[in-house]
Structure formats: C-alpha cells, structure tokens
PDB file of N, CA and C in Angstrom:
ATOM      1  N   UNK A   1     -37.444  21.972   7.655  1.00  0.00           N
ATOM      2  CA  UNK A   1     -37.393  23.259   7.698  1.00  0.00           C
ATOM      3  C   UNK A   1     -35.945  23.773   7.705  1.00  0.00           C
ATOM      4  N   UNK A   2     -35.777  24.927   6.931  1.00  0.00           N
ATOM      5  CA  UNK A   2     -34.499  25.536   6.185  1.00  0.00           C
ATOM      6  C   UNK A   2     -34.164  26.628   7.554  1.00  0.00           C
ATOM      7  N   UNK A   3     -32.671  26.566   7.891  1.00  0.00           N
ATOM      8  CA  UNK A   3     -32.324  27.405   8.910  1.00  0.00           C
ATOM      9  C   UNK A   3     -32.404  28.834   8.322  1.00  0.00           C
ATOM     10  N   UNK A   4     -32.758  29.427   9.229  1.00  0.00           N
ATOM     11  CA  UNK A   4     -32.819  31.102   8.940  1.00  0.00           C
ATOM     12  C   UNK A   4     -31.580  31.785   8.634  1.00  0.00           C
ATOM     13  N   UNK A   5     -31.607  32.827   7.943  1.00  0.00           N
ATOM     14  CA  UNK A   5     -30.257  33.612   7.902  1.00  0.00           C
ATOM     15  C   UNK A   5     -29.402  33.982   8.783  1.00  0.00           C
ATOM     16  N   UNK A   6     -30.313  34.555   9.882  1.00  0.00           N
ATOM     17  CA  UNK A   6     -29.929  34.871  11.116  1.00  0.00           C
ATOM     18  C   UNK A   6     -28.866  33.845  12.287  1.00  0.00           C
ATOM     19  N   UNK A   7     -29.807  32.405  12.014  1.00  0.00           N
ATOM     20  CA  UNK A   7     -28.429  31.324  12.383  1.00  0.00           C
ATOM     21  C   UNK A   7     -27.753  30.693  11.705  1.00  0.00           C
ATOM     22  N   UNK A   8     -27.605  30.878  10.111  1.00  0.00           N
ATOM     23  CA  UNK A   8     -26.513  30.959   9.340  1.00  0.00           C
ATOM     24  C   UNK A   8     -25.378  31.740   9.957  1.00  0.00           C
ATOM     25  N   UNK A   9     -25.442  33.046   9.931  1.00  0.00           N
ATOM     26  CA  UNK A   9     -24.767  34.018  10.365  1.00  0.00           C
ATOM     27  C   UNK A   9     -24.133  34.028  12.038  1.00  0.00           C
ATOM     28  N   UNK A  10     -25.040  33.435  12.805  1.00  0.00           N
ATOM     29  CA  UNK A  10     -24.475  33.507  14.002  1.00  0.00           C
ATOM     30  C   UNK A  10     -23.289  32.244  14.115  1.00  0.00           C
ATOM     31  N   UNK A  11     -23.938  31.177  13.266  1.00  0.00           N
ATOM     32  CA  UNK A  11     -23.276  29.813  12.806  1.00  0.00           C
ATOM     33  C   UNK A  11     -21.480  30.337  12.246  1.00  0.00           C
ATOM     34  N   UNK A  12     -21.734  31.316  11.490  1.00  0.00           N
ATOM     35  CA  UNK A  12     -20.420  31.569  10.911  1.00  0.00           C
ATOM     36  C   UNK A  12     -19.755  32.349  11.773  1.00  0.00           C
ATOM     37  N   UNK A  13     -20.499  33.167  12.295  1.00  0.00           N
ATOM     38  CA  UNK A  13     -19.684  34.238  13.289  1.00  0.00           C
ATOM     39  C   UNK A  13     -18.768  33.244  14.599  1.00  0.00           C
ATOM     40  N   UNK A  14     -19.456  32.004  15.026  1.00  0.00           N
ATOM     41  CA  UNK A  14     -19.106  31.576  15.857  1.00  0.00           C
ATOM     42  C   UNK A  14     -17.941  30.696  15.573  1.00  0.00           C
ATOM     43  N   UNK A  15     -17.889  29.701  14.406  1.00  0.00           N
ATOM     44  CA  UNK A  15     -16.940  29.309  13.928  1.00  0.00           C
ATOM     45  C   UNK A  15     -16.006  30.063  13.910  1.00  0.00           C
ATOM     46  N   UNK A  16     -15.880  31.112  13.206  1.00  0.00           N
ATOM     47  CA  UNK A  16     -14.578  32.026  12.957  1.00  0.00           C
ATOM     48  C   UNK A  16     -14.315  32.945  14.343  1.00  0.00           C
ATOM     49  N   UNK A  17     -14.844  33.246  15.481  1.00  0.00           N
ATOM     50  CA  UNK A  17     -14.558  33.252  16.368  1.00  0.00           C
ATOM     51  C   UNK A  17     -13.815  32.118  17.211  1.00  0.00           C
ATOM     52  N   UNK A  18     -14.180  31.009  16.958  1.00  0.00           N
ATOM     53  CA  UNK A  18     -13.291  29.735  17.368  1.00  0.00           C
ATOM     54  C   UNK A  18     -12.065  29.538  16.778  1.00  0.00           C
ATOM     55  N   UNK A  19     -12.140  29.854  15.097  1.00  0.00           N
ATOM     56  CA  UNK A  19     -11.202  29.789  14.669  1.00  0.00           C
ATOM     57  C   UNK A  19      -9.878  30.572  14.755  1.00  0.00           C
ATOM     58  N   UNK A  20     -10.769  31.956  15.500  1.00  0.00           N
ATOM     59  CA  UNK A  20      -9.558  32.889  15.439  1.00  0.00           C
ATOM     60  C   UNK A  20      -8.570  32.873  17.189  1.00  0.00           C
ATOM     61  N   UNK A  21      -9.739  32.099  17.956  1.00  0.00           N
ATOM     62  CA  UNK A  21      -9.398  31.771  19.238  1.00  0.00           C
ATOM     63  C   UNK A  21      -8.011  30.524  19.173  1.00  0.00           C
ATOM     64  N   UNK A  22      -8.176  29.574  18.423  1.00  0.00           N
ATOM     65  CA  UNK A  22      -7.424  28.436  18.000  1.00  0.00           C
ATOM     66  C   UNK A  22      -6.051  29.325  17.463  1.00  0.00           C
ATOM     67  N   UNK A  23      -6.245  29.823  16.669  1.00  0.00           N
ATOM     68  CA  UNK A  23      -5.134  30.883  16.186  1.00  0.00           C
ATOM     69  C   UNK A  23      -3.964  31.748  17.013  1.00  0.00           C
ATOM     70  N   UNK A  24      -5.001  32.296  17.800  1.00  0.00           N
ATOM     71  CA  UNK A  24      -4.361  33.176  18.586  1.00  0.00           C
ATOM     72  C   UNK A  24      -3.559  32.215  19.588  1.00  0.00           C
ATOM     73  N   UNK A  25      -4.229  31.148  20.278  1.00  0.00           N
ATOM     74  CA  UNK A  25      -3.621  30.395  21.365  1.00  0.00           C
ATOM     75  C   UNK A  25      -2.444  29.496  20.737  1.00  0.00           C
ATOM     76  N   UNK A  26      -2.484  29.052  19.558  1.00  0.00           N
ATOM     77  CA  UNK A  26      -1.567  28.436  18.748  1.00  0.00           C
ATOM     78  C   UNK A  26      -0.110  29.713  19.001  1.00  0.00           C
ATOM     79  N   UNK A  27      -0.272  30.919  18.444  1.00  0.00           N
ATOM     80  CA  UNK A  27       0.378  31.768  18.125  1.00  0.00           C
ATOM     81  C   UNK A  27       1.306  32.056  19.711  1.00  0.00           C
ATOM     82  N   UNK A  28       0.108  32.244  20.594  1.00  0.00           N
ATOM     83  CA  UNK A  28       1.085  32.775  21.899  1.00  0.00           C
ATOM     84  C   UNK A  28       1.813  31.882  22.176  1.00  0.00           C
ATOM     85  N   UNK A  29       1.651  30.158  22.058  1.00  0.00           N
ATOM     86  CA  UNK A  29       2.700  29.269  22.035  1.00  0.00           C
ATOM     87  C   UNK A  29       3.961  29.372  21.821  1.00  0.00           C
ATOM     88  N   UNK A  30       3.608  29.713  20.535  1.00  0.00           N
ATOM     89  CA  UNK A  30       5.109  29.432  19.580  1.00  0.00           C
ATOM     90  C   UNK A  30       5.712  30.883  20.013  1.00  0.00           C
ATOM     91  N   UNK A  31       5.234  31.524  20.164  1.00  0.00           N
ATOM     92  CA  UNK A  31       5.717  33.160  20.698  1.00  0.00           C
ATOM     93  C   UNK A  31       6.537  33.214  22.200  1.00  0.00           C
ATOM     94  N   UNK A  32       5.916  32.486  23.166  1.00  0.00           N
ATOM     95  CA  UNK A  32       6.557  31.947  24.487  1.00  0.00           C
ATOM     96  C   UNK A  32       7.555  31.257  24.100  1.00  0.00           C
ATOM     97  N   UNK A  33       7.500  30.031  23.254  1.00  0.00           N
ATOM     98  CA  UNK A  33       8.430  29.119  22.737  1.00  0.00           C
ATOM     99  C   UNK A  33      10.088  29.887  22.161  1.00  0.00           C
ATOM    100  N   UNK A  34       9.715  30.857  21.246  1.00  0.00           N
ATOM    101  CA  UNK A  34      10.707  31.469  20.319  1.00  0.00           C
ATOM    102  C   UNK A  34      10.996  32.242  21.064  1.00  0.00           C
ATOM    103  N   UNK A  35      10.407  33.410  21.410  1.00  0.00           N
ATOM    104  CA  UNK A  35      10.565  34.674  22.303  1.00  0.00           C
ATOM    105  C   UNK A  35      10.932  34.647  23.197  1.00  0.00           C
ATOM    106  N   UNK A  36       9.766  33.987  24.095  1.00  0.00           N
ATOM    107  CA  UNK A  36      10.285  34.050  25.648  1.00  0.00           C
ATOM    108  C   UNK A  36      11.266  33.282  26.227  1.00  0.00           C
ATOM    109  N   UNK A  37      11.645  31.766  25.416  1.00  0.00           N
ATOM    110  CA  UNK A  37      12.688  30.636  25.906  1.00  0.00           C
ATOM    111  C   UNK A  37      13.983  31.173  25.141  1.00  0.00           C
ATOM    112  N   UNK A  38      13.603  31.578  23.801  1.00  0.00           N
ATOM    113  CA  UNK A  38      15.025  31.573  23.223  1.00  0.00           C
ATOM    114  C   UNK A  38      15.586  33.009  23.467  1.00  0.00           C
ATOM    115  N   UNK A  39      15.024  33.956  23.821  1.00  0.00           N
ATOM    116  CA  UNK A  39      15.666  35.288  23.755  1.00  0.00           C
ATOM    117  C   UNK A  39      15.622  35.744  25.533  1.00  0.00           C
ATOM    118  N   UNK A  40      14.226  35.993  25.677  1.00  0.00           N
ATOM    119  CA  UNK A  40      14.022  36.793  27.116  1.00  0.00           C
ATOM    120  C   UNK A  40      14.743  35.563  28.245  1.00  0.00           C
ATOM    121  N   UNK A  41      14.453  34.512  28.000  1.00  0.00           N
ATOM    122  CA  UNK A  41      14.719  33.607  29.230  1.00  0.00           C
ATOM    123  C   UNK A  41      16.430  32.791  28.957  1.00  0.00           C
ATOM    124  N   UNK A  42      16.771  33.325  28.115  1.00  0.00           N
ATOM    125  CA  UNK A  42      18.141  32.536  27.504  1.00  0.00           C
ATOM    126  C   UNK A  42      18.872  32.151  28.476  1.00  0.00           C
ATOM    127  N   UNK A  43      19.957  33.165  29.419  1.00  0.00           N
ATOM    128  CA  UNK A  43      20.492  33.332  30.263  1.00  0.00           C
ATOM    129  C   UNK A  43      20.509  31.995  31.547  1.00  0.00           C
ATOM    130  N   UNK A  44      18.947  32.166  32.073  1.00  0.00           N
ATOM    131  CA  UNK A  44      18.476  30.996  33.151  1.00  0.00           C
ATOM    132  C   UNK A  44      18.816  29.870  32.899  1.00  0.00           C
ATOM    133  N   UNK A  45      17.779  29.393  31.057  1.00  0.00           N
ATOM    134  CA  UNK A  45      17.771  28.354  30.673  1.00  0.00           C
ATOM    135  C   UNK A  45      19.149  27.733  30.129  1.00  0.00           C
ATOM    136  N   UNK A  46      20.273  28.703  29.834  1.00  0.00           N
ATOM    137  CA  UNK A  46      21.647  28.204  29.885  1.00  0.00           C
ATOM    138  C   UNK A  46      22.035  27.530  30.816  1.00  0.00           C
ATOM    139  N   UNK A  47      21.604  27.388  31.798  1.00  0.00           N
ATOM    140  CA  UNK A  47      22.278  27.226  33.122  1.00  0.00           C
ATOM    141  C   UNK A  47      22.010  25.618  32.818  1.00  0.00           C
ATOM    142  N   UNK A  48      21.008  25.209  32.394  1.00  0.00           N
ATOM    143  CA  UNK A  48      20.483  23.959  32.291  1.00  0.00           C
ATOM    144  C   UNK A  48      20.907  23.212  31.117  1.00  0.00           C
ATOM    145  N   UNK A  49      21.984  22.139  31.100  1.00  0.00           N
ATOM    146  CA  UNK A  49      22.521  21.350  29.825  1.00  0.00           C
ATOM    147  C   UNK A  49      21.495  19.978  29.626  1.00  0.00           C
ATOM    148  N   UNK A  50      21.125  19.760  28.519  1.00  0.00           N
ATOM    149  CA  UNK A  50      20.873  18.262  28.240  1.00  0.00           C
ATOM    150  C   UNK A  50      22.113  17.912  27.222  1.00  0.00           C
ATOM    151  N   UNK A  51      22.076  16.775  27.113  1.00  0.00           N
ATOM    152  CA  UNK A  51      22.797  16.003  26.136  1.00  0.00           C
ATOM    153  C   UNK A  51      24.626  16.806  25.972  1.00  0.00           C
ATOM    154  N   UNK A  52      24.596  17.754  26.853  1.00  0.00           N
ATOM    155  CA  UNK A  52      25.791  18.647  26.613  1.00  0.00           C
ATOM    156  C   UNK A  52      25.968  20.136  25.872  1.00  0.00           C
ATOM    157  N   UNK A  53      24.235  20.292  25.312  1.00  0.00           N
ATOM    158  CA  UNK A  53      24.119  21.253  24.908  1.00  0.00           C
ATOM    159  C   UNK A  53      23.216  22.242  25.992  1.00  0.00           C
ATOM    160  N   UNK A  54      23.474  23.431  26.035  1.00  0.00           N
ATOM    161  CA  UNK A  54      22.718  24.649  26.953  1.00  0.00           C
ATOM    162  C   UNK A  54      21.263  24.683  26.495  1.00  0.00           C
ATOM    163  N   UNK A  55      20.389  24.490  27.298  1.00  0.00           N
ATOM    164  CA  UNK A  55      18.802  24.329  27.060  1.00  0.00           C
ATOM    165  C   UNK A  55      18.529  25.744  26.165  1.00  0.00           C
ATOM    166  N   UNK A  56      18.974  26.923  26.669  1.00  0.00           N
ATOM    167  CA  UNK A  56      18.591  28.334  25.816  1.00  0.00           C
ATOM    168  C   UNK A  56      18.830  28.204  24.717  1.00  0.00           C
ATOM    169  N   UNK A  57      20.438  27.680  24.324  1.00  0.00           N
ATOM    170  CA  UNK A  57      20.603  27.900  22.902  1.00  0.00           C
ATOM    171  C   UNK A  57      19.616  26.682  22.116  1.00  0.00           C
ATOM    172  N   UNK A  58      19.398  25.484  22.720  1.00  0.00           N
ATOM    173  CA  UNK A  58      18.691  24.643  22.093  1.00  0.00           C
ATOM    174  C   UNK A  58      17.400  25.380  21.849  1.00  0.00           C
ATOM    175  N   UNK A  59      16.464  26.100  22.629  1.00  0.00           N
ATOM    176  CA  UNK A  59      15.356  26.703  22.298  1.00  0.00           C
ATOM    177  C   UNK A  59      15.565  27.543  21.001  1.00  0.00           C
ATOM    178  N   UNK A  60      16.647  28.199  21.261  1.00  0.00           N
ATOM    179  CA  UNK A  60      16.961  29.243  20.427  1.00  0.00           C
ATOM    180  C   UNK A  60      16.718  28.675  18.776  1.00  0.00           C
ATOM    181  N   UNK A  61      17.837  27.498  18.712  1.00  0.00           N
ATOM    182  CA  UNK A  61      18.188  26.844  17.464  1.00  0.00           C
ATOM    183  C   UNK A  61      16.944  25.901  17.062  1.00  0.00           C
ATOM    184  N   UNK A  62      16.533  24.980  17.967  1.00  0.00           N
ATOM    185  CA  UNK A  62      15.702  23.953  17.609  1.00  0.00           C
ATOM    186  C   UNK A  62      14.360  23.841  18.048  1.00  0.00           C
ATOM    187  N   UNK A  63      14.256  24.514  19.421  1.00  0.00           N
ATOM    188  CA  UNK A  63      12.989  24.142  20.298  1.00  0.00           C
ATOM    189  C   UNK A  63      11.689  25.047  19.495  1.00  0.00           C
ATOM    190  N   UNK A  64      11.878  26.143  18.952  1.00  0.00           N
ATOM    191  CA  UNK A  64      10.856  26.815  18.085  1.00  0.00           C
ATOM    192  C   UNK A  64      10.548  26.621  17.101  1.00  0.00           C
ATOM    193  N   UNK A  65      11.763  25.849  16.322  1.00  0.00           N
ATOM    194  CA  UNK A  65      11.525  24.789  14.935  1.00  0.00           C
ATOM    195  C   UNK A  65      10.218  24.132  15.314  1.00  0.00           C
ATOM    196  N   UNK A  66      10.896  23.084  16.146  1.00  0.00           N
ATOM    197  CA  UNK A  66      10.052  21.895  16.728  1.00  0.00           C
ATOM    198  C   UNK A  66       8.648  22.211  16.900  1.00  0.00           C
ATOM    199  N   UNK A  67       8.418  23.186  18.072  1.00  0.00           N
ATOM    200  CA  UNK A  67       7.243  23.520  18.416  1.00  0.00           C
ATOM    201  C   UNK A  67       6.164  24.094  17.548  1.00  0.00           C
ATOM    202  N   UNK A  68       7.021  24.990  16.219  1.00  0.00           N
ATOM    203  CA  UNK A  68       5.926  24.852  15.163  1.00  0.00           C
ATOM    204  C   UNK A  68       5.403  24.083  14.361  1.00  0.00           C
ATOM    205  N   UNK A  69       6.407  23.233  13.915  1.00  0.00           N
ATOM    206  CA  UNK A  69       5.777  21.769  13.392  1.00  0.00           C
ATOM    207  C   UNK A  69       4.838  21.168  14.192  1.00  0.00           C
ATOM    208  N   UNK A  70       5.029  20.876  15.442  1.00  0.00           N
ATOM    209  CA  UNK A  70       4.123  20.370  16.103  1.00  0.00           C
ATOM    210  C   UNK A  70       2.639  21.075  16.304  1.00  0.00           C
ATOM    211  N   UNK A  71       2.667  22.588  16.607  1.00  0.00           N
ATOM    212  CA  UNK A  71       1.762  23.407  16.445  1.00  0.00           C
ATOM    213  C   UNK A  71       0.735  23.145  14.894  1.00  0.00           C
ATOM    214  N   UNK A  72       1.748  23.197  13.800  1.00  0.00           N
ATOM    215  CA  UNK A  72       0.815  22.929  12.436  1.00  0.00           C
ATOM    216  C   UNK A  72      -0.067  21.646  12.496  1.00  0.00           C
ATOM    217  N   UNK A  73       0.488  20.662  12.781  1.00  0.00           N
ATOM    218  CA  UNK A  73      -0.416  19.332  13.048  1.00  0.00           C
ATOM    219  C   UNK A  73      -1.317  19.410  14.235  1.00  0.00           C
ATOM    220  N   UNK A  74      -0.972  20.025  15.406  1.00  0.00           N
ATOM    221  CA  UNK A  74      -1.994  20.686  16.177  1.00  0.00           C
ATOM    222  C   UNK A  74      -3.537  20.968  15.550  1.00  0.00           C
ATOM    223  N   UNK A  75      -2.654  22.577  15.255  1.00  0.00           N
ATOM    224  CA  UNK A  75      -3.675  23.417  14.311  1.00  0.00           C
ATOM    225  C   UNK A  75      -4.976  22.224  13.316  1.00  0.00           C
ATOM    226  N   UNK A  76      -3.995  21.669  12.368  1.00  0.00           N
ATOM    227  CA  UNK A  76      -4.730  20.899  11.605  1.00  0.00           C
ATOM    228  C   UNK A  76      -5.766  20.146  12.223  1.00  0.00           C
ATOM    229  N   UNK A  77      -5.401  19.155  13.170  1.00  0.00           N
ATOM    230  CA  UNK A  77      -6.580  18.708  13.887  1.00  0.00           C
ATOM    231  C   UNK A  77      -7.528  18.988  14.693  1.00  0.00           C
ATOM    232  N   UNK A  78      -7.290  20.137  15.112  1.00  0.00           N
ATOM    233  CA  UNK A  78      -8.178  20.934  15.436  1.00  0.00           C
ATOM    234  C   UNK A  78      -8.924  21.596  14.637  1.00  0.00           C
ATOM    235  N   UNK A  79      -8.592  21.906  13.898  1.00  0.00           N
ATOM    236  CA  UNK A  79      -9.499  22.458  12.593  1.00  0.00           C
ATOM    237  C   UNK A  79     -10.238  21.675  12.155  1.00  0.00           C
ATOM    238  N   UNK A  80      -9.869  20.337  12.112  1.00  0.00           N
ATOM    239  CA  UNK A  80     -10.939  19.407  11.555  1.00  0.00           C
ATOM    240  C   UNK A  80     -12.109  19.035  12.278  1.00  0.00           C
ATOM    241  N   UNK A  81     -11.601  19.090  13.558  1.00  0.00           N
ATOM    242  CA  UNK A  81     -12.450  18.762  14.554  1.00  0.00           C
ATOM    243  C   UNK A  81     -13.595  20.346  14.526  1.00  0.00           C
ATOM    244  N   UNK A  82     -13.142  21.081  14.682  1.00  0.00           N
ATOM    245  CA  UNK A  82     -13.708  22.446  14.340  1.00  0.00           C
ATOM    246  C   UNK A  82     -14.969  22.429  13.158  1.00  0.00           C
ATOM    247  N   UNK A  83     -14.334  22.102  12.213  1.00  0.00           N
ATOM    248  CA  UNK A  83     -15.323  21.877  10.831  1.00  0.00           C
ATOM    249  C   UNK A  83     -16.581  21.034  11.130  1.00  0.00           C
ATOM    250  N   UNK A  84     -15.915  19.787  11.875  1.00  0.00           N
ATOM    251  CA  UNK A  84     -17.286  18.905  11.876  1.00  0.00           C
ATOM    252  C   UNK A  84     -18.105  19.293  12.833  1.00  0.00           C
ATOM    253  N   UNK A  85     -17.632  20.038  14.041  1.00  0.00           N
ATOM    254  CA  UNK A  85     -18.671  20.640  14.868  1.00  0.00           C
ATOM    255  C   UNK A  85     -19.848  21.411  14.299  1.00  0.00           C
ATOM    256  N   UNK A  86     -19.292  22.258  13.303  1.00  0.00           N
ATOM    257  CA  UNK A  86     -19.999  23.541  12.772  1.00  0.00           C
ATOM    258  C   UNK A  86     -20.407  23.041  11.363  1.00  0.00           C
ATOM    259  N   UNK A  87     -19.895  21.498  11.148  1.00  0.00           N
ATOM    260  CA  UNK A  87     -20.859  21.275   9.790  1.00  0.00           C
ATOM    261  C   UNK A  87     -20.263  21.731   8.398  1.00  0.00           C
ATOM    262  N   UNK A  88     -18.851  22.066   8.578  1.00  0.00           N
ATOM    263  CA  UNK A  88     -18.302  22.764   7.482  1.00  0.00           C
ATOM    264  C   UNK A  88     -17.148  22.013   6.786  1.00  0.00           C
ATOM    265  N   UNK A  89     -17.274  20.326   6.997  1.00  0.00           N
ATOM    266  CA  UNK A  89     -16.004  19.897   6.974  1.00  0.00           C
ATOM    267  C   UNK A  89     -16.270  19.186   5.231  1.00  0.00           C
ATOM    268  N   UNK A  90     -15.307  18.723   4.733  1.00  0.00           N
ATOM    269  CA  UNK A  90     -15.229  18.695   3.340  1.00  0.00           C
ATOM    270  C   UNK A  90     -15.912  16.917   3.094  1.00  0.00           C
ATOM    271  N   UNK A  91     -15.821  16.224   4.276  1.00  0.00           N
ATOM    272  CA  UNK A  91     -16.383  14.952   3.906  1.00  0.00           C
ATOM    273  C   UNK A  91     -15.127  14.187   3.632  1.00  0.00           C
ATOM    274  N   UNK A  92     -13.786  14.303   3.335  1.00  0.00           N
ATOM    275  CA  UNK A  92     -12.768  13.587   3.568  1.00  0.00           C
ATOM    276  C   UNK A  92     -12.142  13.301   4.598  1.00  0.00           C
ATOM    277  N   UNK A  93     -11.119  12.240   4.771  1.00  0.00           N
ATOM    278  CA  UNK A  93     -10.537  11.998   5.944  1.00  0.00           C
ATOM    279  C   UNK A  93     -11.108  10.821   6.670  1.00  0.00           C
TER     280      UNK A  93
END
C-alpha cells in the first residue's frame, strides 16, 4: 500500500515543525548565553570569579563561543535522530 499524498504532506509538515522547534530552542539558548549572560547580567556575574577571571567577562568573551560550538554538535545529533524518526535519513553514519 502506497502512502497517500496527504500523509506525505502531513509527515513533511511535522518534520519541518520539529526542525524549526529545534532551531528555535538552540537559538534561544545561544541568545540567553551571549546576550543575557554577556550583556544583561554582566555586572552580577562579574561578582563571581573563576580562576581569577570575572564570570561575566568570561561569558562575553568565551562562554558564548563554547556554547555555540556545543549547540552545533547538539543540533547535528538531534537532526540525525529526527531524520531517522521521519525516515528521511541518508543511510550514512
């Protein structure tokens, strides 16, 4: 039995909805870390020191970059799971 065109369309929409939800949450985390911790909460975080560096300064200079790199790997991992769930994986890996 071949899936109907409506089923394919619904599956396609569900896949993209899940993809956009994942992108939204990743961007939200990155925004909170880079803008929230690096700019808005700079002064309160600067009261905390780790290894001699103010925490607010560290988030502004390094934390957002590290978070972005971690989010790239997280996104790739989650997308592989999503691709398999919706049967759109390329069969590699």
